Amino acid sequence: MASDMGSRKEFKATDEEMIELLNKKVHGKPLSKNGVILEHDLYGEKNPWEIWQEFEGDSKSYGGKDLYFFTRPKKKFPNGSRLVRTIGVGSWEGEDVGKEVVATETKERIGMKKRFRFEKSGTPHDGAWIMHEYSLHSSLITDASANNYFLCRFRKNLRHGVHEEKGVEGTKNLGEDFGRRPRNQQRNRNPQSKKVEATKYKEQVGDDDDDCMSWPELFSLQLRNLIDVPIQDEEAIDLLPNTFKK
């Protein structure tokens, strides 16, 4: 099932617009015609690459990296508050504590945005998929009988080699790729080659946000934004001369 909202390739919603779309979905209101949002279980038995293949991600996605889904949250226990975060053979691991989404005009809290990455150690897809999960603030859910949904931006982590080397084609049998090197055991590479790769990556994803950063890079960026003074790079620190006598 999909909510057809016009040109797929140009759809790029802000956090506030994502919450507005989610609010309309939860309360059964018609969606504005400015993109395509699918509906699927992102906390079920299918793996991320299988979901990408099922919905023909390379043709329906935005920029070849993003799909948008409405999905229903699942509770671990009927009377509990903890949610299911498993997907396929792995799980969605949180990379932040969440970011409040505030309405521009009223300055009121309208929702929450959380970032997750797919994790399954020892597999080529470990860290290869990213999900941004948007949820409504409780103040906007005025009807107790309203259907509860999350709105998710589901994307490839374009820095991950599995998309460059094999894509998602040919990865249906995960067992065939278990011998490949996990992302936390990558070979040492020449610093110059890393700069070239970073440039190519920037050309692919643009300057929109931190969507495909690794969690250490994301944490570093968030830390820099929280403090008033810049963090000095290690290379720029002058070492004190050794004045001890030998």
C-alpha atoms as a PDB file:
ATOM      1  CA  MET A   1       0.000   0.000   0.000  1.00  0.00           C
ATOM      2  CA  ALA A   2       1.331   3.428  -0.910  1.00  0.00           C
ATOM      3  CA  SER A   3       0.237   7.007  -0.461  1.00  0.00           C
ATOM      4  CA  ASP A   4       0.899   8.491  -3.906  1.00  0.00           C
ATOM      5  CA  MET A   5       1.803  12.131  -3.563  1.00  0.00           C
ATOM      6  CA  GLY A   6       3.290  13.100  -6.909  1.00  0.00           C
ATOM      7  CA  SER A   7       6.907  13.315  -8.029  1.00  0.00           C
ATOM      8  CA  ARG A   8       9.022  10.766  -6.162  1.00  0.00           C
ATOM      9  CA  LYS A   9      12.444  12.067  -7.156  1.00  0.00           C
ATOM     10  CA  GLU A  10      11.966  15.578  -5.765  1.00  0.00           C
ATOM     11  CA  PHE A  11      10.408  14.660  -2.420  1.00  0.00           C
ATOM     12  CA  LYS A  12      12.525  15.966   0.470  1.00  0.00           C
ATOM     13  CA  ALA A  13      10.594  16.733   3.642  1.00  0.00           C
ATOM     14  CA  THR A  14      11.857  18.605   6.688  1.00  0.00           C
ATOM     15  CA  ASP A  15      11.428  17.118  10.161  1.00  0.00           C
ATOM     16  CA  GLU A  16       8.393  19.335  10.762  1.00  0.00           C
ATOM     17  CA  GLU A  17       6.819  18.291   7.440  1.00  0.00           C
ATOM     18  CA  MET A  18       7.402  14.620   8.291  1.00  0.00           C
ATOM     19  CA  ILE A  19       5.491  15.063  11.554  1.00  0.00           C
ATOM     20  CA  GLU A  20       2.672  16.882   9.719  1.00  0.00           C
ATOM     21  CA  LEU A  21       2.355  13.968   7.258  1.00  0.00           C
ATOM     22  CA  LEU A  22       2.355  11.488  10.123  1.00  0.00           C
ATOM     23  CA  ASN A  23      -0.342  13.461  11.956  1.00  0.00           C
ATOM     24  CA  LYS A  24      -2.574  13.298   8.900  1.00  0.00           C
ATOM     25  CA  LYS A  25      -2.022   9.543   8.541  1.00  0.00           C
ATOM     26  CA  VAL A  26      -2.767   8.834  12.203  1.00  0.00           C
ATOM     27  CA  HIS A  27      -6.026  10.811  12.066  1.00  0.00           C
ATOM     28  CA  GLY A  28      -7.129   9.548   8.651  1.00  0.00           C
ATOM     29  CA  LYS A  29      -6.750  12.836   6.802  1.00  0.00           C
ATOM     30  CA  PRO A  30      -5.756  13.075   3.106  1.00  0.00           C
ATOM     31  CA  LEU A  31      -2.047  13.578   2.443  1.00  0.00           C
ATOM     32  CA  SER A  32      -0.702  16.446   0.371  1.00  0.00           C
ATOM     33  CA  LYS A  33       0.536  15.526  -3.081  1.00  0.00           C
ATOM     34  CA  ASN A  34       4.287  15.994  -2.799  1.00  0.00           C
ATOM     35  CA  GLY A  35       5.797  12.518  -2.572  1.00  0.00           C
ATOM     36  CA  VAL A  36       5.244   8.779  -2.185  1.00  0.00           C
ATOM     37  CA  ILE A  37       5.010   7.060   1.184  1.00  0.00           C
ATOM     38  CA  LEU A  38       4.686   3.286   1.331  1.00  0.00           C
ATOM     39  CA  GLU A  39       3.260   1.199   4.162  1.00  0.00           C
ATOM     40  CA  HIS A  40       5.136  -1.819   5.529  1.00  0.00           C
ATOM     41  CA  ASP A  41       6.269  -3.530   8.733  1.00  0.00           C
ATOM     42  CA  LEU A  42       9.825  -2.374   9.490  1.00  0.00           C
ATOM     43  CA  TYR A  43       9.958  -4.422  12.708  1.00  0.00           C
ATOM     44  CA  GLY A  44       9.083  -7.777  11.185  1.00  0.00           C
ATOM     45  CA  GLU A  45      10.687 -10.906   9.746  1.00  0.00           C
ATOM     46  CA  LYS A  46      12.007  -9.417   6.515  1.00  0.00           C
ATOM     47  CA  ASN A  47      15.569  -8.101   6.316  1.00  0.00           C
ATOM     48  CA  PRO A  48      16.281  -4.524   5.182  1.00  0.00           C
ATOM     49  CA  TRP A  49      17.695  -5.576   1.795  1.00  0.00           C
ATOM     50  CA  GLU A  50      14.639  -7.797   1.185  1.00  0.00           C
ATOM     51  CA  ILE A  51      12.345  -4.862   1.887  1.00  0.00           C
ATOM     52  CA  TRP A  52      14.398  -2.731  -0.519  1.00  0.00           C
ATOM     53  CA  GLN A  53      14.042  -5.389  -3.226  1.00  0.00           C
ATOM     54  CA  GLU A  54      10.327  -5.906  -2.585  1.00  0.00           C
ATOM     55  CA  PHE A  55       9.564  -2.258  -3.166  1.00  0.00           C
ATOM     56  CA  GLU A  56      12.052  -1.900  -6.025  1.00  0.00           C
ATOM     57  CA  GLY A  57      14.060   0.645  -4.078  1.00  0.00           C
ATOM     58  CA  ASP A  58      16.331   1.615  -6.948  1.00  0.00           C
ATOM     59  CA  SER A  59      13.357   2.833  -9.010  1.00  0.00           C
ATOM     60  CA  LYS A  60      10.988   4.087  -6.298  1.00  0.00           C
ATOM     61  CA  SER A  61      13.569   5.649  -4.015  1.00  0.00           C
ATOM     62  CA  TYR A  62      14.722   9.260  -3.850  1.00  0.00           C
ATOM     63  CA  GLY A  63      18.276   9.681  -5.099  1.00  0.00           C
ATOM     64  CA  GLY A  64      18.701   5.894  -5.049  1.00  0.00           C
ATOM     65  CA  LYS A  65      19.025   5.872  -1.247  1.00  0.00           C
ATOM     66  CA  ASP A  66      15.698   6.739   0.464  1.00  0.00           C
ATOM     67  CA  LEU A  67      12.334   5.030   0.832  1.00  0.00           C
ATOM     68  CA  TYR A  68       9.550   6.353   3.074  1.00  0.00           C
ATOM     69  CA  PHE A  69       7.260   4.069   5.083  1.00  0.00           C
ATOM     70  CA  PHE A  70       4.367   4.289   7.475  1.00  0.00           C
ATOM     71  CA  THR A  71       4.811   1.446   9.951  1.00  0.00           C
ATOM     72  CA  ARG A  72       3.015   0.405  13.126  1.00  0.00           C
ATOM     73  CA  PRO A  73       4.958   0.261  16.391  1.00  0.00           C
ATOM     74  CA  LYS A  74       4.909  -3.040  18.301  1.00  0.00           C
ATOM     75  CA  LYS A  75       5.081  -3.440  22.057  1.00  0.00           C
ATOM     76  CA  LYS A  76       7.249  -6.172  23.578  1.00  0.00           C
ATOM     77  CA  PHE A  77       4.586  -6.759  26.225  1.00  0.00           C
ATOM     78  CA  PRO A  78       0.867  -5.839  26.068  1.00  0.00           C
ATOM     79  CA  ASN A  79       0.983  -3.629  29.167  1.00  0.00           C
ATOM     80  CA  GLY A  80       4.550  -2.396  28.759  1.00  0.00           C
ATOM     81  CA  SER A  81       6.081   0.634  27.118  1.00  0.00           C
ATOM     82  CA  ARG A  82       9.145  -0.981  25.483  1.00  0.00           C
ATOM     83  CA  LEU A  83       8.950  -1.429  21.733  1.00  0.00           C
ATOM     84  CA  VAL A  84      10.134  -4.196  19.434  1.00  0.00           C
ATOM     85  CA  ARG A  85      13.284  -3.178  17.521  1.00  0.00           C
ATOM     86  CA  THR A  86      14.105  -6.436  15.744  1.00  0.00           C
ATOM     87  CA  ILE A  87      14.082  -6.769  11.961  1.00  0.00           C
ATOM     88  CA  GLY A  88      14.874  -9.970  10.063  1.00  0.00           C
ATOM     89  CA  VAL A  89      18.031 -11.615  11.381  1.00  0.00           C
ATOM     90  CA  GLY A  90      19.197  -8.446  13.158  1.00  0.00           C
ATOM     91  CA  SER A  91      17.897  -5.411  14.985  1.00  0.00           C
ATOM     92  CA  TRP A  92      17.602  -1.642  14.808  1.00  0.00           C
ATOM     93  CA  GLU A  93      20.146  -0.164  17.225  1.00  0.00           C
ATOM     94  CA  GLY A  94      19.626   3.411  18.380  1.00  0.00           C
ATOM     95  CA  GLU A  95      22.367   5.931  17.574  1.00  0.00           C
ATOM     96  CA  ASP A  96      20.939   8.813  19.610  1.00  0.00           C
ATOM     97  CA  VAL A  97      18.445   9.529  22.381  1.00  0.00           C
ATOM     98  CA  GLY A  98      16.137  11.301  19.967  1.00  0.00           C
ATOM     99  CA  LYS A  99      15.618  14.852  18.769  1.00  0.00           C
ATOM    100  CA  GLU A 100      12.494  16.824  19.572  1.00  0.00           C
ATOM    101  CA  VAL A 101      10.678  18.281  16.573  1.00  0.00           C
ATOM    102  CA  VAL A 102       9.306  21.757  17.302  1.00  0.00           C
ATOM    103  CA  ALA A 103       6.727  23.655  15.264  1.00  0.00           C
ATOM    104  CA  THR A 104       8.248  26.730  13.629  1.00  0.00           C
ATOM    105  CA  GLU A 105       5.351  29.085  14.374  1.00  0.00           C
ATOM    106  CA  THR A 106       4.092  27.963  17.784  1.00  0.00           C
ATOM    107  CA  LYS A 107       7.428  26.665  19.150  1.00  0.00           C
ATOM    108  CA  GLU A 108       5.505  23.706  20.595  1.00  0.00           C
ATOM    109  CA  ARG A 109       6.796  20.155  20.641  1.00  0.00           C
ATOM    110  CA  ILE A 110       5.018  18.135  17.971  1.00  0.00           C
ATOM    111  CA  GLY A 111       7.069  14.960  17.728  1.00  0.00           C
ATOM    112  CA  MET A 112      10.331  13.066  18.029  1.00  0.00           C
ATOM    113  CA  LYS A 113      12.960  11.935  15.518  1.00  0.00           C
ATOM    114  CA  LYS A 114      15.245   8.991  16.312  1.00  0.00           C
ATOM    115  CA  ARG A 115      18.062   7.499  14.248  1.00  0.00           C
ATOM    116  CA  PHE A 116      18.746   3.759  14.037  1.00  0.00           C
ATOM    117  CA  ARG A 117      21.174   1.521  12.171  1.00  0.00           C
ATOM    118  CA  PHE A 118      20.811  -2.153  11.256  1.00  0.00           C
ATOM    119  CA  GLU A 119      23.103  -4.413  13.273  1.00  0.00           C
ATOM    120  CA  LYS A 120      23.992  -8.053  12.886  1.00  0.00           C
ATOM    121  CA  SER A 121      27.634  -8.736  13.754  1.00  0.00           C
ATOM    122  CA  GLY A 122      29.633 -10.854  11.316  1.00  0.00           C
ATOM    123  CA  THR A 123      27.400 -10.080   8.326  1.00  0.00           C
ATOM    124  CA  PRO A 124      28.114  -7.824   5.321  1.00  0.00           C
ATOM    125  CA  HIS A 125      24.972  -5.796   6.072  1.00  0.00           C
ATOM    126  CA  ASP A 126      26.054  -4.817   9.591  1.00  0.00           C
ATOM    127  CA  GLY A 127      25.691  -1.014   9.582  1.00  0.00           C
ATOM    128  CA  ALA A 128      24.584  -0.938   5.932  1.00  0.00           C
ATOM    129  CA  TRP A 129      21.055   0.367   6.546  1.00  0.00           C
ATOM    130  CA  ILE A 130      19.796   3.490   8.331  1.00  0.00           C
ATOM    131  CA  MET A 131      16.326   4.369   9.597  1.00  0.00           C
ATOM    132  CA  HIS A 132      14.978   7.726  10.826  1.00  0.00           C
ATOM    133  CA  GLU A 133      11.890   7.117  12.940  1.00  0.00           C
ATOM    134  CA  TYR A 134       9.355   9.914  13.452  1.00  0.00           C
ATOM    135  CA  SER A 135       6.670   9.708  16.150  1.00  0.00           C
ATOM    136  CA  LEU A 136       3.890  12.094  17.203  1.00  0.00           C
ATOM    137  CA  HIS A 137       3.899  13.973  20.490  1.00  0.00           C
ATOM    138  CA  SER A 138       1.139  12.736  22.779  1.00  0.00           C
ATOM    139  CA  SER A 139      -0.530  16.170  22.695  1.00  0.00           C
ATOM    140  CA  LEU A 140      -1.408  15.657  19.018  1.00  0.00           C
ATOM    141  CA  ILE A 141      -3.165  12.333  19.541  1.00  0.00           C
ATOM    142  CA  THR A 142      -6.597  13.639  20.469  1.00  0.00           C
ATOM    143  CA  ASP A 143      -8.536  10.537  19.421  1.00  0.00           C
ATOM    144  CA  ALA A 144      -7.847   7.472  21.568  1.00  0.00           C
ATOM    145  CA  SER A 145      -9.103   5.218  18.767  1.00  0.00           C
ATOM    146  CA  ALA A 146      -6.700   6.689  16.183  1.00  0.00           C
ATOM    147  CA  ASN A 147      -4.343   4.265  14.453  1.00  0.00           C
ATOM    148  CA  ASN A 148      -0.840   4.568  15.837  1.00  0.00           C
ATOM    149  CA  TYR A 149       1.906   4.852  13.211  1.00  0.00           C
ATOM    150  CA  PHE A 150       5.521   5.845  12.878  1.00  0.00           C
ATOM    151  CA  LEU A 151       6.802   7.525   9.736  1.00  0.00           C
ATOM    152  CA  CYS A 152      10.237   6.226   8.765  1.00  0.00           C
ATOM    153  CA  ARG A 153      12.892   7.322   6.300  1.00  0.00           C
ATOM    154  CA  PHE A 154      14.532   4.039   5.289  1.00  0.00           C
ATOM    155  CA  ARG A 155      17.860   4.394   3.514  1.00  0.00           C
ATOM    156  CA  LYS A 156      21.072   2.842   2.345  1.00  0.00           C
ATOM    157  CA  ASN A 157      24.226   3.805   4.191  1.00  0.00           C
ATOM    158  CA  LEU A 158      26.156   4.773   1.057  1.00  0.00           C
ATOM    159  CA  ARG A 159      29.454   4.661   2.925  1.00  0.00           C
ATOM    160  CA  HIS A 160      29.037   0.945   3.381  1.00  0.00           C
ATOM    161  CA  GLY A 161      30.833  -1.323   0.917  1.00  0.00           C
ATOM    162  CA  VAL A 162      27.945  -3.763   0.466  1.00  0.00           C
ATOM    163  CA  HIS A 163      26.088  -1.226  -1.687  1.00  0.00           C
ATOM    164  CA  GLU A 164      29.162  -0.399  -3.783  1.00  0.00           C
ATOM    165  CA  GLU A 165      30.497  -3.916  -4.319  1.00  0.00           C
ATOM    166  CA  LYS A 166      27.350  -6.003  -4.739  1.00  0.00           C
ATOM    167  CA  GLY A 167      24.382  -3.746  -4.151  1.00  0.00           C
ATOM    168  CA  VAL A 168      21.388  -5.547  -2.713  1.00  0.00           C
ATOM    169  CA  GLU A 169      21.244  -7.917  -5.660  1.00  0.00           C
ATOM    170  CA  GLY A 170      22.503 -11.385  -4.879  1.00  0.00           C
ATOM    171  CA  THR A 171      22.274 -10.989  -1.115  1.00  0.00           C
ATOM    172  CA  LYS A 172      19.062 -12.927  -0.589  1.00  0.00           C
ATOM    173  CA  ASN A 173      20.997 -15.806   0.959  1.00  0.00           C
ATOM    174  CA  LEU A 174      22.763 -14.113   3.831  1.00  0.00           C
ATOM    175  CA  GLY A 175      24.779 -17.238   4.625  1.00  0.00           C
ATOM    176  CA  GLU A 176      26.779 -16.867   1.407  1.00  0.00           C
ATOM    177  CA  ASP A 177      28.332 -13.624   2.647  1.00  0.00           C
ATOM    178  CA  PHE A 178      29.129 -14.520   6.249  1.00  0.00           C
ATOM    179  CA  GLY A 179      32.835 -14.846   5.463  1.00  0.00           C
ATOM    180  CA  ARG A 180      33.215 -11.225   4.430  1.00  0.00           C
ATOM    181  CA  ARG A 181      34.960  -8.782   6.692  1.00  0.00           C
ATOM    182  CA  PRO A 182      32.566  -6.967   9.108  1.00  0.00           C
ATOM    183  CA  ARG A 183      32.546  -3.167   9.101  1.00  0.00           C
ATOM    184  CA  ASN A 184      34.364  -3.029  12.472  1.00  0.00           C
ATOM    185  CA  GLN A 185      37.312  -4.966  11.008  1.00  0.00           C
ATOM    186  CA  GLN A 186      38.022  -2.964   7.877  1.00  0.00           C
ATOM    187  CA  ARG A 187      41.492  -3.032   6.376  1.00  0.00           C
ATOM    188  CA  ASN A 188      43.801  -0.078   6.937  1.00  0.00           C
ATOM    189  CA  ARG A 189      43.740   2.211   3.927  1.00  0.00           C
ATOM    190  CA  ASN A 190      45.902   4.989   2.637  1.00  0.00           C
ATOM    191  CA  PRO A 191      44.789   8.372   4.095  1.00  0.00           C
ATOM    192  CA  GLN A 192      44.779   9.904   0.616  1.00  0.00           C
ATOM    193  CA  SER A 193      42.380   7.230  -0.638  1.00  0.00           C
ATOM    194  CA  LYS A 194      40.076   7.999   2.299  1.00  0.00           C
ATOM    195  CA  LYS A 195      39.974  11.670   1.234  1.00  0.00           C
ATOM    196  CA  VAL A 196      39.056  10.660  -2.320  1.00  0.00           C
ATOM    197  CA  GLU A 197      36.311   8.353  -1.029  1.00  0.00           C
ATOM    198  CA  ALA A 198      34.970  11.100   1.228  1.00  0.00           C
ATOM    199  CA  THR A 199      34.780  13.462  -1.742  1.00  0.00           C
ATOM    200  CA  LYS A 200      32.933  10.867  -3.835  1.00  0.00           C
ATOM    201  CA  TYR A 201      30.556  10.206  -0.941  1.00  0.00           C
ATOM    202  CA  LYS A 202      29.768  13.908  -0.571  1.00  0.00           C
ATOM    203  CA  GLU A 203      28.946  14.086  -4.262  1.00  0.00           C
ATOM    204  CA  GLN A 204      26.532  11.161  -3.813  1.00  0.00           C
ATOM    205  CA  VAL A 205      24.592  12.292  -0.744  1.00  0.00           C
ATOM    206  CA  GLY A 206      25.057  16.065  -0.913  1.00  0.00           C
ATOM    207  CA  ASP A 207      25.212  18.429   2.038  1.00  0.00           C
ATOM    208  CA  ASP A 208      21.722  17.854   3.421  1.00  0.00           C
ATOM    209  CA  ASP A 209      22.542  16.424   6.894  1.00  0.00           C
ATOM    210  CA  ASP A 210      24.409  13.767   8.889  1.00  0.00           C
ATOM    211  CA  ASP A 211      22.235  10.935   7.595  1.00  0.00           C
ATOM    212  CA  CYS A 212      24.928   8.434   6.710  1.00  0.00           C
ATOM    213  CA  MET A 213      27.553   9.200   9.344  1.00  0.00           C
ATOM    214  CA  SER A 214      28.913   6.410  11.474  1.00  0.00           C
ATOM    215  CA  TRP A 215      27.882   6.679  15.131  1.00  0.00           C
ATOM    216  CA  PRO A 216      31.326   7.947  16.324  1.00  0.00           C
ATOM    217  CA  GLU A 217      31.183  10.714  13.701  1.00  0.00           C
ATOM    218  CA  LEU A 218      27.606  11.542  14.638  1.00  0.00           C
ATOM    219  CA  PHE A 219      28.490  11.684  18.349  1.00  0.00           C
ATOM    220  CA  SER A 220      31.447  13.964  17.593  1.00  0.00           C
ATOM    221  CA  LEU A 221      29.223  16.300  15.576  1.00  0.00           C
ATOM    222  CA  GLN A 222      26.600  16.439  18.324  1.00  0.00           C
ATOM    223  CA  LEU A 223      29.300  17.109  20.916  1.00  0.00           C
ATOM    224  CA  ARG A 224      30.700  20.017  18.888  1.00  0.00           C
ATOM    225  CA  ASN A 225      27.209  21.513  18.614  1.00  0.00           C
ATOM    226  CA  LEU A 226      26.713  21.381  22.384  1.00  0.00           C
ATOM    227  CA  ILE A 227      29.785  23.347  23.412  1.00  0.00           C
ATOM    228  CA  ASP A 228      30.558  27.031  22.942  1.00  0.00           C
ATOM    229  CA  VAL A 229      34.174  26.714  21.828  1.00  0.00           C
ATOM    230  CA  PRO A 230      35.511  24.719  18.894  1.00  0.00           C
ATOM    231  CA  ILE A 231      37.378  21.483  19.478  1.00  0.00           C
ATOM    232  CA  GLN A 232      40.953  21.809  18.301  1.00  0.00           C
ATOM    233  CA  ASP A 233      42.123  19.089  15.955  1.00  0.00           C
ATOM    234  CA  GLU A 234      44.919  16.936  17.242  1.00  0.00           C
ATOM    235  CA  GLU A 235      47.173  17.837  14.319  1.00  0.00           C
ATOM    236  CA  ALA A 236      46.962  21.547  15.204  1.00  0.00           C
ATOM    237  CA  ILE A 237      48.227  21.133  18.782  1.00  0.00           C
ATOM    238  CA  ASP A 238      51.845  22.132  19.263  1.00  0.00           C
ATOM    239  CA  LEU A 239      53.793  19.697  21.391  1.00  0.00           C
ATOM    240  CA  LEU A 240      55.967  21.073  24.182  1.00  0.00           C
ATOM    241  CA  PRO A 241      59.685  20.539  23.656  1.00  0.00           C
ATOM    242  CA  ASN A 242      61.416  17.937  25.787  1.00  0.00           C
ATOM    243  CA  THR A 243      63.575  19.959  28.236  1.00  0.00           C
ATOM    244  CA  PHE A 244      64.648  17.048  30.362  1.00  0.00           C
ATOM    245  CA  LYS A 245      68.334  16.290  30.403  1.00  0.00           C
ATOM    246  CA  LYS A 246      69.351  12.966  29.035  1.00  0.00           C
END
